[in-house]
Protein backbone atom coordinates (compact mmCIF):
# COMPACT_ATOMS: atom_id res chain seq x y z
CA UNK A 1 79.35 2.59 194.35
CA UNK A 2 81.39 3.31 191.23
CA UNK A 3 79.55 6.57 190.61
CA UNK A 4 80.18 7.70 194.21
CA UNK A 5 83.91 7.04 193.74
CA UNK A 6 83.94 9.02 190.52
CA UNK A 7 82.08 11.90 192.19
CA UNK A 8 84.60 12.00 195.02
CA UNK A 9 87.48 11.98 192.50
CA UNK A 10 85.96 14.77 190.46
CA UNK A 11 85.38 16.87 193.56
CA UNK A 12 89.06 16.46 194.37
CA UNK A 13 89.93 17.78 190.90
CA UNK A 14 87.20 20.39 190.62
CA UNK A 15 89.43 23.31 191.48
CA UNK A 16 92.98 23.25 190.17
CA UNK A 17 94.28 25.84 192.64
CA UNK A 18 94.67 23.30 195.45
CA UNK A 19 95.50 24.57 198.94
CA UNK A 20 99.26 25.01 199.20
CA UNK A 21 99.49 23.70 202.78
CA UNK A 22 98.05 20.25 201.94
CA UNK A 23 101.41 18.59 201.22
CA UNK A 24 101.76 15.12 199.78
CA UNK A 25 103.17 12.69 202.31
CA UNK A 26 105.18 10.22 200.24
CA UNK A 27 108.59 10.39 198.55
CA UNK A 28 109.48 8.78 195.28
CA UNK A 29 110.58 8.90 191.67
CA UNK A 30 108.57 8.92 188.43
CA UNK A 31 110.07 8.03 185.05
CA UNK A 32 108.54 9.52 181.91
CA UNK A 33 109.02 8.52 178.27
CA UNK A 34 108.29 10.56 175.16
CA UNK A 35 104.75 10.07 173.86
CA UNK A 36 104.45 10.53 170.10
CA UNK A 37 101.43 9.92 167.85
CA UNK A 38 99.73 7.63 170.35
CA UNK A 39 102.77 5.57 171.33
CA UNK A 40 105.45 5.68 174.00
CA UNK A 41 108.97 5.99 172.50
CA UNK A 42 111.22 4.11 174.89
CA UNK A 43 114.31 4.82 172.76
CA UNK A 44 114.30 8.53 173.61
CA UNK A 45 115.92 10.00 176.73
CA UNK A 46 113.81 9.52 179.85
CA UNK A 47 112.72 12.39 182.05
CA UNK A 48 112.97 11.84 185.81
CA UNK A 49 110.94 13.58 188.51
CA UNK A 50 111.76 13.01 192.19
CA UNK A 51 109.60 14.25 195.04
CA UNK A 52 110.27 14.70 198.77
CA UNK A 53 109.09 17.04 201.50
CA UNK A 54 107.30 19.58 199.29
CA UNK A 55 110.07 19.74 196.64
CA UNK A 56 110.09 18.07 193.22
CA UNK A 57 113.26 17.83 191.14
CA UNK A 58 113.24 17.03 187.42
CA UNK A 59 115.99 16.33 184.91
CA UNK A 60 116.64 14.46 181.67
CA UNK A 61 118.32 11.11 182.17
CA UNK A 62 121.43 11.00 179.96
CA UNK A 63 122.96 7.95 181.65
CA UNK A 64 125.36 6.16 179.32
CA UNK A 65 125.47 9.02 176.79
CA UNK A 66 128.84 10.33 175.58
CA UNK A 67 127.99 14.03 175.77
CA UNK A 68 130.13 16.86 174.46
CA UNK A 69 131.57 18.99 177.31
CA UNK A 70 129.48 22.00 176.28
CA UNK A 71 126.26 20.34 177.46
CA UNK A 72 125.25 21.99 180.76
CA UNK A 73 123.76 20.01 183.62
CA UNK A 74 120.17 21.18 184.04
CA UNK A 75 117.75 20.70 186.91
CA UNK A 76 114.32 22.08 187.69
CA UNK A 77 113.15 22.40 191.30
CA UNK A 78 109.45 22.84 192.12
CA UNK A 79 108.78 24.33 195.54
CA UNK A 80 105.16 23.32 196.13
CA UNK A 81 105.07 25.02 199.53
CA UNK A 82 105.75 28.44 198.06
CA UNK A 83 104.54 28.03 194.47
CA UNK A 84 108.01 28.69 193.00
CA UNK A 85 110.04 27.04 190.25
CA UNK A 86 113.84 27.25 190.21
CA UNK A 87 115.78 26.38 187.06
CA UNK A 88 119.48 25.61 187.50
CA UNK A 89 122.26 25.09 184.95
CA UNK A 90 125.88 24.11 185.63
CA UNK A 91 128.22 24.84 182.73
CA UNK A 92 131.44 23.22 181.52
CA UNK A 93 133.59 25.75 183.40
CA UNK A 94 131.84 24.86 186.68
CA UNK A 95 129.81 28.08 186.87
CA UNK A 96 126.25 27.58 188.14
CA UNK A 97 123.31 29.89 187.43
CA UNK A 98 119.64 29.79 188.31
CA UNK A 99 116.43 31.67 187.67
CA UNK A 100 113.06 31.53 189.40
CA UNK A 101 109.43 31.96 188.44
CA UNK A 102 106.00 31.59 189.96
CA UNK A 103 103.71 28.64 189.32
CA UNK A 104 101.52 29.27 186.31
CA UNK A 105 97.79 29.84 186.93
CA UNK A 106 95.98 26.86 185.46
CA UNK A 107 92.39 27.74 186.42
CA UNK A 108 91.45 27.84 182.72
CA UNK A 109 92.10 24.10 182.40
CA UNK A 110 88.82 22.20 182.57
CA UNK A 111 88.07 18.52 183.28
CA UNK A 112 87.06 16.46 180.29
CA UNK A 113 85.60 12.95 180.19
CA UNK A 114 85.79 10.28 182.86
CA UNK A 115 88.99 9.30 184.71
CA UNK A 116 91.25 6.65 183.20
CA UNK A 117 93.95 4.48 184.75
CA UNK A 118 97.66 5.11 184.18
CA UNK A 119 100.05 2.79 186.03
CA UNK A 120 97.10 1.70 188.17
CA UNK A 121 96.12 5.20 189.31
CA UNK A 122 92.92 7.04 188.45
CA UNK A 123 93.73 10.14 186.38
CA UNK A 124 91.42 12.92 185.36
CA UNK A 125 92.03 14.54 181.98
CA UNK A 126 92.18 18.35 181.92
CA UNK A 127 92.23 20.39 178.72
CA UNK A 128 93.46 23.91 178.11
CA UNK A 129 95.70 25.89 175.79
CA UNK A 130 99.11 27.50 175.83
CA UNK A 131 100.51 29.73 173.07
CA UNK A 132 97.79 28.55 170.66
CA UNK A 133 98.61 24.89 171.40
CA UNK A 134 96.01 22.46 172.70
CA UNK A 135 97.26 20.95 175.98
CA UNK A 136 95.91 17.79 177.59
CA UNK A 137 96.98 16.73 181.08
CA UNK A 138 96.15 13.59 183.04
CA UNK A 139 96.60 14.15 186.79
CA UNK A 140 96.11 12.04 189.87
CA UNK A 141 95.96 12.71 193.61
CA UNK A 142 96.24 9.04 194.59
CA UNK A 143 100.04 8.64 194.70
CA UNK A 144 100.94 11.02 197.52
CA UNK A 145 103.55 12.55 195.14
CA UNK A 146 103.65 15.90 193.40
CA UNK A 147 105.37 16.58 190.12
CA UNK A 148 105.14 17.24 186.40
CA UNK A 149 107.24 16.44 183.32
CA UNK A 150 106.59 19.91 181.91
CA UNK A 151 107.86 23.12 183.46
CA UNK A 152 104.73 25.10 182.63
CA UNK A 153 102.23 22.78 184.33
CA UNK A 154 102.96 22.13 188.01
CA UNK A 155 99.84 21.14 189.98
CA UNK A 156 99.79 21.51 193.79
CA UNK A 157 98.89 18.22 195.52
CA UNK A 158 98.72 16.40 192.19
CA UNK A 159 100.99 14.33 189.97
CA UNK A 160 100.84 14.81 186.21
CA UNK A 161 101.18 11.34 184.69
CA UNK A 162 100.63 12.33 181.07
CA UNK A 163 101.03 15.49 179.01
CA UNK A 164 100.04 15.81 175.33
CA UNK A 165 100.42 18.84 173.06
CA UNK A 166 98.29 19.15 169.93
CA UNK A 167 97.34 15.47 170.21
CA UNK A 168 100.64 14.24 168.80
CA UNK A 169 103.51 14.86 171.22
CA UNK A 170 104.16 14.75 174.95
CA UNK A 171 105.30 12.65 177.91
CA UNK A 172 103.79 9.70 179.74
CA UNK A 173 104.78 8.11 183.05
CA UNK A 174 106.17 4.59 182.62
CA UNK A 175 107.23 3.77 186.18
CA UNK A 176 106.71 5.00 189.76
CA UNK A 177 109.06 4.07 192.60
CA UNK A 178 108.34 5.02 196.22
CA UNK A 179 111.14 5.80 198.69
CA UNK A 180 111.48 5.42 202.39
CA UNK A 181 111.55 8.97 203.63
CA UNK A 182 114.52 8.49 205.93
CA UNK A 183 116.68 7.61 202.91
CA UNK A 184 115.87 10.81 201.03
CA UNK A 185 118.04 13.90 201.39
CA UNK A 186 117.00 17.42 200.47
CA UNK A 187 116.43 17.53 196.72
CA UNK A 188 117.21 21.22 196.27
CA UNK A 189 120.71 22.42 197.27
CA UNK A 190 121.01 25.46 199.50
CA UNK A 191 123.26 27.18 196.91
CA UNK A 192 121.96 27.13 193.35
CA UNK A 193 124.64 29.51 192.04
CA UNK A 194 124.27 33.01 190.62
CA UNK A 195 120.71 34.25 190.17
CA UNK A 196 119.82 35.85 186.83
CA UNK A 197 116.55 36.72 185.09
CA UNK A 198 114.69 34.24 182.87
CA UNK A 199 115.74 35.85 179.58
CA UNK A 200 119.44 35.81 180.43
CA UNK A 201 119.12 32.25 181.70
CA UNK A 202 117.66 31.13 178.37
CA UNK A 203 120.42 32.94 176.49
CA UNK A 204 123.09 31.27 178.61
CA UNK A 205 121.65 27.85 177.81
CA UNK A 206 121.49 28.54 174.08
CA UNK A 207 124.89 30.18 173.93
CA UNK A 208 126.51 27.19 175.61
CA UNK A 209 126.31 25.61 172.15
CA UNK A 210 127.55 28.67 170.26
CA UNK A 211 131.21 29.44 169.68
CA UNK A 212 131.21 33.14 168.87
CA UNK A 213 134.45 34.35 167.27
CA UNK A 214 134.78 38.10 166.91
CA UNK A 215 137.03 38.89 163.95
CA UNK A 216 136.55 42.67 163.73
CA UNK A 217 135.02 45.04 166.27
CA UNK A 218 133.87 48.42 164.95
CA UNK A 219 137.00 48.67 162.80
CA UNK A 220 137.34 51.47 160.27
CA UNK A 221 137.47 50.87 156.51
CA UNK A 222 138.35 54.13 154.80
CA UNK A 223 140.76 55.74 152.37
CA UNK A 224 143.88 57.83 152.85
CA UNK A 225 145.27 57.06 156.31
CA UNK A 226 148.93 56.41 156.82
CA UNK A 227 149.17 52.67 157.40
CA UNK A 228 151.83 50.83 159.37
CA UNK A 229 151.26 47.09 159.66
CA UNK A 230 153.15 44.72 161.97
CA UNK A 231 156.00 42.72 160.47
CA UNK A 232 155.25 39.10 159.62
CA UNK A 233 151.94 37.33 160.17
CA UNK A 234 150.85 38.24 163.68
CA UNK A 235 147.73 36.51 165.00
CA UNK A 236 144.71 38.57 166.18
CA UNK A 237 146.01 41.89 164.89
CA UNK A 238 144.10 43.97 162.34
CA UNK A 239 146.10 44.61 159.15
CA UNK A 240 145.02 47.36 156.77
CA UNK A 241 145.70 47.35 153.04
CA UNK A 242 144.81 49.13 149.78
CA UNK A 243 144.82 52.58 151.36
CA UNK A 244 142.74 51.36 154.30
CA UNK A 245 139.83 49.92 152.24
CA UNK A 246 140.75 46.32 153.14
CA UNK A 247 141.16 44.97 156.65
CA UNK A 248 142.45 41.48 157.36
CA UNK A 249 143.32 39.39 160.38
CA UNK A 250 144.99 36.04 161.01
CA UNK A 251 142.76 34.17 163.47
CA UNK A 252 142.49 30.79 165.15
CA UNK A 253 139.02 29.39 164.50
CA UNK A 254 137.48 26.59 166.56
CA UNK A 255 137.61 22.98 165.43
CA UNK A 256 134.03 21.69 165.48
CA UNK A 257 132.19 18.52 164.38
CA UNK A 258 130.69 17.93 160.94
CA UNK A 259 127.19 19.31 160.73
CA UNK A 260 127.91 22.47 162.72
CA UNK A 261 125.96 25.48 161.49
CA UNK A 262 128.09 28.59 160.88
CA UNK A 263 126.84 32.14 160.37
CA UNK A 264 128.84 35.15 159.23
CA UNK A 265 127.42 38.31 160.78
CA UNK A 266 128.49 41.79 159.71
CA UNK A 267 127.36 45.06 161.30
CA UNK A 268 128.13 48.13 159.17
CA UNK A 269 127.53 51.87 159.48
CA UNK A 270 128.75 54.90 157.62
CA UNK A 271 131.53 56.91 159.22
CA UNK A 272 131.40 59.59 156.53
CA UNK A 273 130.86 57.86 153.18
CA UNK A 274 127.46 58.63 151.65
CA UNK A 275 127.38 56.07 148.85
CA UNK A 276 126.31 52.48 148.27
CA UNK A 277 129.49 50.42 148.04
CA UNK A 278 130.51 46.86 147.26
CA UNK A 279 131.47 44.92 150.37
CA UNK A 280 133.00 41.47 150.62
CA UNK A 281 133.92 39.14 153.47
CA UNK A 282 136.55 36.68 152.34
CA UNK A 283 139.00 33.98 153.35
CA UNK A 284 142.53 34.02 151.91
CA UNK A 285 143.77 30.54 150.89
CA UNK A 286 147.45 30.27 151.83
CA UNK A 287 148.21 26.60 151.14
CA UNK A 288 149.84 27.17 147.72
CA UNK A 289 153.07 28.88 146.70
CA UNK A 290 151.32 32.22 146.13
CA UNK A 291 148.36 33.81 147.89
CA UNK A 292 146.33 37.00 147.77
CA UNK A 293 148.34 38.12 150.78
CA UNK A 294 151.27 38.66 148.42
CA UNK A 295 149.25 41.24 146.54
CA UNK A 296 147.94 42.91 149.70
CA UNK A 297 151.44 43.25 151.10
CA UNK A 298 153.45 43.93 147.94
CA UNK A 299 150.96 45.31 145.44
CA UNK A 300 148.73 43.97 142.66
CA UNK A 301 151.66 43.03 140.42
CA UNK A 302 152.65 40.32 142.92
CA UNK A 303 149.49 38.43 141.96
CA UNK A 304 149.18 35.95 139.07
CA UNK A 305 147.97 37.52 135.83
CA UNK A 306 144.91 36.58 133.80
CA UNK A 307 145.06 37.87 130.21
CA UNK A 308 141.80 38.28 128.29
CA UNK A 309 141.39 38.00 124.52
CA UNK A 310 141.63 41.79 124.42
CA UNK A 311 145.10 41.44 125.99
CA UNK A 312 143.89 43.16 129.14
CA UNK A 313 145.52 42.07 132.41
CA UNK A 314 143.55 41.12 135.52
CA UNK A 315 145.32 40.42 138.79
CA UNK A 316 144.68 37.45 141.08
CA UNK A 317 141.21 36.53 139.84
CA UNK A 318 141.54 32.87 138.83
CA UNK A 319 142.97 29.65 140.20
CA UNK A 320 146.33 28.38 138.93
CA UNK A 321 148.50 25.41 139.96
CA UNK A 322 150.33 27.73 142.38
CA UNK A 323 147.54 30.11 143.47
CA UNK A 324 143.92 30.13 144.63
CA UNK A 325 141.74 33.27 144.54
CA UNK A 326 139.82 34.56 147.52
CA UNK A 327 137.01 32.40 148.90
CA UNK A 328 134.12 34.81 149.31
CA UNK A 329 132.09 34.19 152.46
CA UNK A 330 129.60 37.01 151.95
CA UNK A 331 128.89 39.70 149.36
CA UNK A 332 127.10 42.70 150.84
CA UNK A 333 126.36 46.25 149.78
CA UNK A 334 126.46 49.25 152.03
CA UNK A 335 123.42 51.52 151.98
CA UNK A 336 123.56 55.24 151.34
CA UNK A 337 125.12 56.68 154.49
CA UNK A 338 123.32 54.86 157.33
CA UNK A 339 124.14 56.35 160.76
CA UNK A 340 126.42 59.23 159.69
CA UNK A 341 123.76 60.94 157.58
CA UNK A 342 120.71 60.09 159.70
CA UNK A 343 120.28 63.64 160.99
CA UNK A 344 121.09 65.33 157.67
CA UNK A 345 118.00 64.37 155.70
CA UNK A 346 114.47 64.11 157.11
CA UNK A 347 111.88 62.62 154.78
CA UNK A 348 109.62 61.23 157.50
CA UNK A 349 111.44 57.90 157.87
CA UNK A 350 113.01 56.63 161.10
CA UNK A 351 116.52 55.77 159.87
CA UNK A 352 118.25 52.68 161.21
CA UNK A 353 121.40 53.08 163.31
CA UNK A 354 123.31 50.42 161.35
CA UNK A 355 122.84 47.45 159.05
CA UNK A 356 123.27 43.82 160.09
CA UNK A 357 124.04 41.30 157.36
CA UNK A 358 123.80 37.64 158.39
CA UNK A 359 124.39 34.63 156.19
CA UNK A 360 124.69 30.87 156.63
CA UNK A 361 128.20 29.81 155.52
CA UNK A 362 128.05 26.24 156.86
CA UNK A 363 128.91 24.83 153.44
CA UNK A 364 132.38 26.34 153.85
CA UNK A 365 132.92 24.86 157.33
CA UNK A 366 135.93 22.74 156.21
CA UNK A 367 137.98 25.92 155.57
CA UNK A 368 136.56 27.85 158.55
CA UNK A 369 138.55 25.96 161.17
CA UNK A 370 142.01 26.26 162.65
CA UNK A 371 144.32 29.12 161.56
CA UNK A 372 143.30 31.25 158.60
CA UNK A 373 143.21 34.79 157.23
CA UNK A 374 139.82 36.55 157.14
CA UNK A 375 139.28 39.95 155.54
CA UNK A 376 136.63 42.56 154.72
CA UNK A 377 136.62 45.00 151.81
CA UNK A 378 134.44 48.06 151.22
CA UNK A 379 135.33 50.13 148.16
CA UNK A 380 135.40 53.85 148.95
CA UNK A 381 137.55 56.96 148.67
CA UNK A 382 136.25 58.65 151.83
CA UNK A 383 138.43 59.70 154.77
CA UNK A 384 135.79 58.61 157.28
CA UNK A 385 134.59 55.62 155.32
CA UNK A 386 132.75 52.92 157.24
CA UNK A 387 132.83 51.09 160.57
CA UNK A 388 132.51 47.31 160.46
CA UNK A 389 132.18 44.44 162.92
CA UNK A 390 132.41 40.77 161.89
CA UNK A 391 131.59 37.67 163.91
CA UNK A 392 131.62 34.01 162.95
CA UNK A 393 129.13 32.06 165.03
CA UNK A 394 129.40 28.26 165.22
CA UNK A 395 126.19 26.57 166.40
CA UNK A 396 126.76 22.99 167.55
CA UNK A 397 123.95 20.73 166.35
CA UNK A 398 124.72 17.54 168.27
CA UNK A 399 124.97 17.07 172.02
CA UNK A 400 126.65 13.68 171.78
CA UNK A 401 130.17 12.92 170.59
CA UNK A 402 129.94 11.43 167.11
CA UNK A 403 131.25 7.90 166.70
CA UNK A 404 131.59 8.39 162.95
CA UNK A 405 134.96 9.40 161.45
CA UNK A 406 135.16 12.99 160.23
CA UNK A 407 134.37 13.46 156.55
CA UNK A 408 136.94 14.77 154.09
CA UNK A 409 136.07 17.60 151.75
CA UNK A 410 137.27 19.17 148.52
CA UNK A 411 136.96 22.97 148.47
CA UNK A 412 138.25 24.57 145.27
CA UNK A 413 137.81 28.29 144.52
CA UNK A 414 138.12 28.81 140.76
CA UNK A 415 137.52 32.54 140.25
CA UNK A 416 136.74 35.78 142.08
CA UNK A 417 136.62 38.95 139.98
CA UNK A 418 135.63 41.22 142.88
CA UNK A 419 138.54 43.64 142.85
CA UNK A 420 139.02 44.00 146.60
CA UNK A 421 142.25 45.86 145.88
CA UNK A 422 140.30 48.36 143.79
CA UNK A 423 141.93 51.30 145.56
CA UNK A 424 145.37 49.77 144.94
CA UNK A 425 144.79 49.45 141.20
CA UNK A 426 143.36 45.95 140.83
CA UNK A 427 141.37 45.79 137.59
CA UNK A 428 137.57 45.69 137.43
CA UNK A 429 135.88 42.54 136.11
CA UNK A 430 135.38 43.62 132.49
CA UNK A 431 136.82 40.51 130.80
CA UNK A 432 133.37 39.42 129.58
CA UNK A 433 132.99 41.93 126.75
CA UNK A 434 134.26 39.78 123.88
CA UNK A 435 135.24 36.71 125.86
CA UNK A 436 134.34 34.10 128.40
CA UNK A 437 136.17 33.87 131.70
CA UNK A 438 137.75 30.39 131.50
CA UNK A 439 139.66 28.59 134.25
CA UNK A 440 141.23 25.15 134.31
CA UNK A 441 140.90 23.13 137.50
CA UNK A 442 141.61 19.58 138.62
CA UNK A 443 139.29 17.24 140.51
CA UNK A 444 141.03 14.74 142.82
CA UNK A 445 140.07 11.06 142.85
CA UNK A 446 137.12 10.01 145.01
CA UNK A 447 135.21 13.30 144.90
CA UNK A 448 131.41 13.01 145.10
CA UNK A 449 128.31 15.13 145.82
CA UNK A 450 129.81 18.21 144.17
CA UNK A 451 128.06 21.57 144.50
CA UNK A 452 129.04 24.79 142.79
CA UNK A 453 128.52 28.01 144.78
CA UNK A 454 128.20 31.15 142.65
CA UNK A 455 127.84 34.82 143.62
CA UNK A 456 127.23 37.40 140.90
CA UNK A 457 126.42 41.12 140.81
CA UNK A 458 126.40 43.52 137.86
CA UNK A 459 127.78 47.06 138.02
CA UNK A 460 127.66 50.20 135.90
CA UNK A 461 125.68 52.88 137.64
CA UNK A 462 123.93 54.75 134.86
CA UNK A 463 120.69 54.06 133.00
CA UNK A 464 122.32 51.81 130.41
CA UNK A 465 124.87 50.24 132.74
CA UNK A 466 124.73 46.61 133.80
CA UNK A 467 123.71 47.61 137.33
CA UNK A 468 120.28 48.46 135.95
CA UNK A 469 120.04 46.06 132.98
CA UNK A 470 119.28 42.35 133.51
CA UNK A 471 121.97 40.12 132.03
CA UNK A 472 121.93 36.35 131.73
CA UNK A 473 124.91 34.54 133.27
CA UNK A 474 125.82 31.29 131.47
CA UNK A 475 128.24 28.79 133.00
CA UNK A 476 129.89 25.87 131.23
CA UNK A 477 132.06 22.92 132.24
CA UNK A 478 134.12 21.49 129.39
CA UNK A 479 131.90 23.37 126.94
CA UNK A 480 128.61 22.00 128.31
CA UNK A 481 126.12 24.33 129.99
CA UNK A 482 125.50 23.46 133.67
CA UNK A 483 123.99 26.67 135.07
CA UNK A 484 122.09 29.65 133.64
CA UNK A 485 120.75 32.51 135.70
CA UNK A 486 119.76 36.16 135.38
CA UNK A 487 120.46 37.88 138.70
CA UNK A 488 117.89 40.58 139.35
CA UNK A 489 116.70 42.04 142.67
CA UNK A 490 113.25 43.62 142.75
CA UNK A 491 113.07 44.03 146.54
CA UNK A 492 115.43 46.97 147.01
CA UNK A 493 112.69 49.21 148.37
CA UNK A 494 112.58 46.90 151.41
CA UNK A 495 115.79 48.49 152.70
CA UNK A 496 114.73 52.15 152.48
CA UNK A 497 115.23 52.80 156.22
CA UNK A 498 118.96 52.09 155.81
CA UNK A 499 119.47 54.75 153.11
CA UNK A 500 119.26 58.30 154.48
CA UNK A 501 121.68 59.76 151.89
CA UNK A 502 119.93 58.17 148.91
CA UNK A 503 118.68 60.58 146.27
CA UNK A 504 114.93 61.28 146.22
CA UNK A 505 113.23 61.82 142.87
CA UNK A 506 110.21 63.78 141.65
CA UNK A 507 108.14 60.61 141.21
CA UNK A 508 108.36 59.54 144.87
CA UNK A 509 111.10 56.96 144.35
CA UNK A 510 114.49 56.93 145.98
CA UNK A 511 117.66 55.82 144.23
CA UNK A 512 117.93 52.92 146.69
CA UNK A 513 114.47 51.64 145.61
CA UNK A 514 115.43 50.74 142.05
CA UNK A 515 115.90 47.10 141.03
CA UNK A 516 119.46 46.00 140.34
CA UNK A 517 121.56 43.19 138.92
CA UNK A 518 121.70 40.85 141.90
CA UNK A 519 122.06 43.40 144.69
CA UNK A 520 120.40 46.17 146.71
CA UNK A 521 121.88 48.98 148.82
CA UNK A 522 121.83 47.65 152.39
CA UNK A 523 121.45 43.95 151.57
CA UNK A 524 123.37 40.68 151.19
CA UNK A 525 123.70 39.21 147.70
CA UNK A 526 122.99 35.57 148.33
CA UNK A 527 124.91 32.81 146.56
CA UNK A 528 123.38 30.36 144.11
CA UNK A 529 124.01 26.64 144.51
CA UNK A 530 123.84 24.07 141.77
CA UNK A 531 124.64 20.37 141.84
CA UNK A 532 127.34 19.29 139.40
CA UNK A 533 126.60 15.82 138.08
CA UNK A 534 129.21 13.31 136.94
CA UNK A 535 132.27 15.46 137.56
CA UNK A 536 135.03 12.92 137.04
CA UNK A 537 138.53 13.00 138.49
CA UNK A 538 141.07 14.86 136.39
CA UNK A 539 141.36 18.20 134.58
CA UNK A 540 138.37 20.30 133.54
CA UNK A 541 137.59 23.81 132.38
CA UNK A 542 134.88 26.11 133.73
CA UNK A 543 133.77 29.12 131.69
CA UNK A 544 131.45 32.04 132.37
CA UNK A 545 129.76 34.17 129.72
CA UNK A 546 127.95 37.44 130.51
CA UNK A 547 126.93 39.89 127.72
CA UNK A 548 128.76 42.92 129.11
CA UNK A 549 127.20 46.26 128.19
CA UNK A 550 129.00 48.86 126.08
CA UNK A 551 130.76 51.73 127.86
CA UNK A 552 129.41 55.27 127.67
CA UNK A 553 131.95 58.06 127.90
CA UNK A 554 134.11 57.34 130.93
CA UNK A 555 131.48 55.00 132.40
CA UNK A 556 131.72 51.23 131.99
CA UNK A 557 130.06 48.04 133.23
CA UNK A 558 131.71 45.25 135.21
CA UNK A 559 130.72 42.02 136.93
CA UNK A 560 131.82 40.76 140.31
CA UNK A 561 131.54 36.98 140.26
CA UNK A 562 133.00 34.36 142.57
CA UNK A 563 132.79 30.58 142.28
CA UNK A 564 133.77 27.67 144.52
CA UNK A 565 133.40 23.91 144.05
CA UNK A 566 132.45 22.01 147.22
CA UNK A 567 132.50 18.23 147.38
CA UNK A 568 133.08 15.23 149.61
CA UNK A 569 136.03 12.86 149.26
CA UNK A 570 135.47 9.15 149.75
């Protein structure tokens, strides 16, 4: 008798493409819990599937959760009569969108083993694959309900009670409740909102948790234009300085929770300049008596002076009790003439239209909120110069409001020798020849978990210049070494498609291919991070030593370095 029952059950499951007109007769609700490594995890959010009159509705149960307002309401509707799935999302502004798709063909899923009981119902296991993942499904036809916890696996006339992916993760039904039909309204509303395609729907869902702040939009950075800036500090207006080679804007950045991921994204293309140039995205600290804005507005002599042992003067490069240097968000280097020179040199390479530089700057989140000044520099003496766009993208990483108090941070820039006012006479970073760059700084009480963020690139563009000669950077705190590194990039050939104006040599190499001191034409120069142990409260001195190369004729070497301490305050 048992074997006859099994045979009947298997015949019912033998073909997964069940007839669409054989509707289940009951109405009810199934609760699912996460299944992980052989166990049900009741602490995780439940998934609910309701079924009535040929329609199943599924959603994640967030009852009792204190969700941030950005979390959209999401529902999936399975129309078993027509083999359609409708996904709906309702966003914080009240706008509703939906997309639709056909049921997936599951004929490749095959029965495996004998049926087992889940919640008292006989379930047949089916096995298949999806995107190289092993999928196991346990389905039953005994409940009179239809539904699935997973969007990709709806079975006509069957209820999926368990789903497992790669044998270690999935969902399992933990409760079934049957309704009286007369008490059940239509599960799918007549108006689901605005219909869009599946790709745009997915982007809308993801972007609900992204705060995208556009700082600059295809703005020109060039040399020689007549510049007239607004009076005062006007918000959301592009200011131009140093002959047009620096652009800056006062912006209001979003206030976001601790743990938010932030990316700086720059898109650059040549508007006439053919050369590889130093670029920098920076924040201007303005909470002390003086700021770099003073120099931008009034000239380099308005900045604090740093005097080297050679009695040479450098403007605005180190921290003082009344001034903080620029906080560099990103160091990038323009390629040789991308976009503007694409049609002027054909060497059999499909040149890129522009370069996108993208870097995680989450470690600087404490200063990337509320009102601040953000700027971009590209050194050049070209009338066309470059076109640049800059966005800061804040990716929220928690869907619930945090009950923990916000952390306090210590962010202290100590030096930045990148002469972003190069075209207004700011001195190059050549103080390392017979000296160390030394800066005094003070650590407040209660600081812990201190990290030092360091960006370094060597310059001097001839065979013996520091651009092409590896040089060890040595950093000291109070005379003790805490970081040594030789910046050297050997991957510059990776960016060849960005460099149409680069020189091509007899040996098959291009100028842009050659290895360099911490940078490549068309690439970001990534920062280095090092933990600083036992940094006590009080005054300290940080020093940097780099063996600067000797000049040759009118050519000389220089180093662009920037350093910031980042710590938590108890």
